[in-house]
Amino acid sequence: MGIDRIGKGGGVTPPPDVEKAGKSGAVDKPFTAERASHAAAVDPTQATSPLAQLKAGQIDVERYLDLKVEEATKALHGVLPAELDDIKKMLRDQLASDPGLTDLVRAATGAMPKPPED
């Protein structure tokens, strides 16, 4: 018993862009310095994201978590400042004490946050 069409020739027609590239696999646009600049790695001294700053050694894990809390709460317009501070403290404490969140922090940063002080 055989499987239909296996070994019977024919085959699937490749998409038009593959046919254009030919057997060498070349594409229409050559690799240029302009295209290379998009593929270049980010300079750690120019790090802007909190994780990039952490990996560049510009901040520690505690500052990284503070920046992530700021990032998470920046859309809370109209909340009273005292309430916003309470929300930030609660989020920060959760990042340092919740086992699931501390595992995520360790996976992202390679370090454990300090537990919250009461």
Protein backbone atom coordinates (compact mmCIF):
# COMPACT_ATOMS: atom_id res chain seq x y z
CA MET A 1 0.00 0.00 0.00
CA GLY A 2 1.49 3.35 -0.99
CA ILE A 3 0.80 6.95 -0.30
CA ASP A 4 -0.65 8.86 -3.23
CA ARG A 5 1.70 11.06 -5.28
CA ILE A 6 4.92 10.13 -3.43
CA GLY A 7 7.65 9.36 -5.91
CA LYS A 8 5.44 9.98 -8.93
CA GLY A 9 7.16 13.15 -10.19
CA GLY A 10 5.53 16.46 -10.77
CA GLY A 11 5.99 18.24 -7.48
CA VAL A 12 4.87 21.61 -6.28
CA THR A 13 5.54 24.78 -8.28
CA PRO A 14 7.65 27.22 -6.24
CA PRO A 15 6.29 30.72 -5.61
CA PRO A 16 7.25 33.37 -8.23
CA ASP A 17 9.76 35.15 -5.94
CA VAL A 18 11.71 31.92 -5.47
CA GLU A 19 11.86 31.38 -9.23
CA LYS A 20 13.23 34.95 -9.65
CA ALA A 21 16.02 34.30 -7.15
CA GLY A 22 17.19 31.35 -9.19
CA LYS A 23 19.08 28.36 -7.90
CA SER A 24 21.71 30.50 -6.15
CA GLY A 25 19.08 31.90 -3.77
CA ALA A 26 20.11 35.49 -4.55
CA VAL A 27 17.55 38.18 -3.93
CA ASP A 28 16.89 41.33 -5.91
CA LYS A 29 18.49 43.74 -3.41
CA PRO A 30 22.20 43.37 -2.73
CA PHE A 31 23.49 43.59 0.82
CA THR A 32 24.59 47.18 1.34
CA ALA A 33 25.96 49.25 4.21
CA GLU A 34 22.52 50.81 4.62
CA ARG A 35 20.92 47.39 5.09
CA ALA A 36 23.79 46.34 7.37
CA SER A 37 23.13 49.27 9.70
CA HIS A 38 19.68 47.84 10.44
CA ALA A 39 21.22 44.51 11.38
CA ALA A 40 23.92 45.97 13.63
CA ALA A 41 23.82 45.21 17.34
CA VAL A 42 22.72 47.90 19.79
CA ASP A 43 25.60 49.69 21.50
CA PRO A 44 25.22 49.01 25.26
CA THR A 45 26.30 52.57 26.07
CA GLN A 46 23.22 53.78 24.18
CA ALA A 47 20.85 51.40 26.03
CA THR A 48 17.41 52.85 26.57
CA SER A 49 15.18 50.00 27.74
CA PRO A 50 15.45 49.02 31.41
CA LEU A 51 16.56 45.50 30.50
CA ALA A 52 19.22 46.82 28.12
CA GLN A 53 20.44 49.21 30.83
CA LEU A 54 20.62 46.33 33.30
CA LYS A 55 22.54 44.12 30.90
CA ALA A 56 24.94 47.00 30.15
CA GLY A 57 25.62 47.35 33.88
CA GLN A 58 24.16 50.85 34.08
CA ILE A 59 21.53 49.90 36.69
CA ASP A 60 21.00 47.12 39.22
CA VAL A 61 18.03 44.74 39.54
CA GLU A 62 16.29 46.94 42.10
CA ARG A 63 16.41 49.99 39.79
CA TYR A 64 15.27 47.76 36.90
CA LEU A 65 12.17 46.77 38.88
CA ASP A 66 11.49 50.40 39.83
CA LEU A 67 11.66 51.39 36.15
CA LYS A 68 9.32 48.54 35.16
CA VAL A 69 6.80 49.65 37.81
CA GLU A 70 7.02 53.22 36.47
CA GLU A 71 6.49 51.90 32.96
CA ALA A 72 3.48 49.83 34.06
CA THR A 73 1.79 52.71 35.86
CA LYS A 74 2.51 55.64 33.53
CA ALA A 75 -0.90 55.25 31.87
CA LEU A 76 -2.78 55.77 35.15
CA HIS A 77 -3.76 59.38 34.58
CA GLY A 78 -6.20 60.96 37.01
CA VAL A 79 -5.27 58.70 39.93
CA LEU A 80 -4.53 60.60 43.12
CA PRO A 81 -0.78 60.76 43.85
CA ALA A 82 -1.20 58.94 47.20
CA GLU A 83 -3.16 56.14 45.52
CA LEU A 84 -0.62 55.94 42.70
CA ASP A 85 2.20 55.61 45.24
CA ASP A 86 0.28 52.80 46.97
CA ILE A 87 -0.24 51.01 43.65
CA LYS A 88 3.46 51.34 42.78
CA LYS A 89 4.50 50.04 46.20
CA MET A 90 2.13 47.09 45.89
CA LEU A 91 3.42 46.23 42.40
CA ARG A 92 7.03 46.56 43.52
CA ASP A 93 6.40 44.32 46.54
CA GLN A 94 4.69 41.74 44.33
CA LEU A 95 7.65 41.68 41.93
CA ALA A 96 9.97 40.95 44.84
CA SER A 97 7.84 38.48 46.80
CA ASP A 98 5.45 36.56 44.51
CA PRO A 99 7.14 33.26 43.55
CA GLY A 100 5.83 33.34 39.98
CA LEU A 101 6.93 36.93 39.44
CA THR A 102 10.33 36.45 41.07
CA ASP A 103 10.91 33.53 38.70
CA LEU A 104 10.09 35.81 35.76
CA VAL A 105 12.43 38.51 37.11
CA ARG A 106 15.23 35.95 37.54
CA ALA A 107 14.65 34.61 34.01
CA ALA A 108 14.75 38.12 32.53
CA THR A 109 17.59 39.57 34.57
CA GLY A 110 19.57 36.61 35.89
CA ALA A 111 19.24 37.92 39.45
CA MET A 112 16.70 37.78 42.26
CA PRO A 113 15.13 40.95 43.65
CA LYS A 114 15.44 41.76 47.36
CA PRO A 115 12.36 40.83 49.38
CA PRO A 116 10.19 43.79 50.46
CA GLU A 117 10.89 45.43 53.80
CA ASP A 118 7.90 45.83 56.10
